[in-house]
Amino acid sequence: MTSINRARENILNEWKLLRHKWENTKSQWKDKAGIQFEKEYMEEFDPTVTAALDKLTELNKVISQAKRNIN
């Protein structure tokens, strides 16, 4: 596994853990501030994290192709 793949997996695992912890917190934090927090932070980060993971996958493909071209 390349270091990019490891980094991607680490980010994915940490994001899943954060989402899980948020779901537990959200069940207790049901006021206006909790709703606003989810909207401003958790919902905003979902597409950003997904895009970052996709870009890491693309980067790994480009690097792998470059390595094959060198050999």
Protein backbone atom coordinates (compact mmCIF):
# COMPACT_ATOMS: atom_id res chain seq x y z
CA MET A 1 0.00 0.00 0.00
CA THR A 2 1.37 3.39 -0.95
CA SER A 3 1.69 6.24 1.49
CA ILE A 4 -1.07 8.07 -0.41
CA ASN A 5 -3.38 5.10 0.02
CA ARG A 6 -2.52 4.94 3.72
CA ALA A 7 -3.20 8.66 4.09
CA ARG A 8 -6.52 8.25 2.28
CA GLU A 9 -7.51 5.33 4.49
CA ASN A 10 -6.54 7.27 7.63
CA ILE A 11 -8.61 10.27 6.57
CA LEU A 12 -11.56 8.05 5.71
CA ASN A 13 -11.37 6.16 9.00
CA GLU A 14 -11.05 9.33 11.06
CA TRP A 15 -13.95 10.94 9.20
CA LYS A 16 -16.13 7.88 9.85
CA LEU A 17 -15.18 8.00 13.52
CA LEU A 18 -15.98 11.72 13.73
CA ARG A 19 -19.34 11.19 12.00
CA HIS A 20 -20.14 8.36 14.43
CA LYS A 21 -19.24 10.50 17.43
CA TRP A 22 -21.26 13.37 16.01
CA GLU A 23 -24.33 11.14 15.63
CA ASN A 24 -24.00 10.19 19.31
CA THR A 25 -23.60 13.82 20.31
CA LYS A 26 -26.44 14.98 18.07
CA SER A 27 -28.87 12.67 19.83
CA GLN A 28 -28.19 14.64 23.03
CA TRP A 29 -27.67 18.14 21.56
CA LYS A 30 -31.02 19.01 20.02
CA ASP A 31 -31.20 22.75 20.52
CA LYS A 32 -30.73 25.54 17.98
CA ALA A 33 -26.96 25.65 18.56
CA GLY A 34 -26.62 21.92 17.84
CA ILE A 35 -28.61 22.25 14.63
CA GLN A 36 -26.50 25.23 13.58
CA PHE A 37 -23.27 23.38 14.41
CA GLU A 38 -24.31 20.46 12.24
CA LYS A 39 -25.22 22.73 9.36
CA GLU A 40 -22.12 24.93 9.54
CA TYR A 41 -19.54 22.25 10.23
CA MET A 42 -20.59 18.66 9.75
CA GLU A 43 -22.64 19.19 6.60
CA GLU A 44 -20.04 21.55 5.17
CA PHE A 45 -17.21 19.05 5.65
CA ASP A 46 -18.94 16.07 4.03
CA PRO A 47 -18.39 17.20 0.41
CA THR A 48 -14.93 18.56 1.23
CA VAL A 49 -13.74 15.29 2.73
CA THR A 50 -15.28 13.29 -0.12
CA ALA A 51 -13.56 15.54 -2.68
CA ALA A 52 -10.22 15.24 -0.88
CA LEU A 53 -10.50 11.45 -0.84
CA ASP A 54 -11.33 11.43 -4.56
CA LYS A 55 -8.34 13.66 -5.33
CA LEU A 56 -6.02 11.40 -3.33
CA THR A 57 -7.26 8.44 -5.36
CA GLU A 58 -6.61 10.36 -8.60
CA LEU A 59 -3.16 11.43 -7.40
CA ASN A 60 -2.25 7.85 -6.58
CA LYS A 61 -3.28 6.77 -10.09
CA VAL A 62 -1.17 9.51 -11.69
CA ILE A 63 1.88 8.62 -9.60
CA SER A 64 1.45 4.91 -10.37
CA GLN A 65 1.21 5.67 -14.09
CA ALA A 66 4.31 7.89 -13.92
CA LYS A 67 6.24 5.12 -12.18
CA ARG A 68 5.19 2.62 -14.88
CA ASN A 69 6.27 5.08 -17.59
CA ILE A 70 9.70 5.48 -16.02
CA ASN A 71 10.33 1.74 -15.95
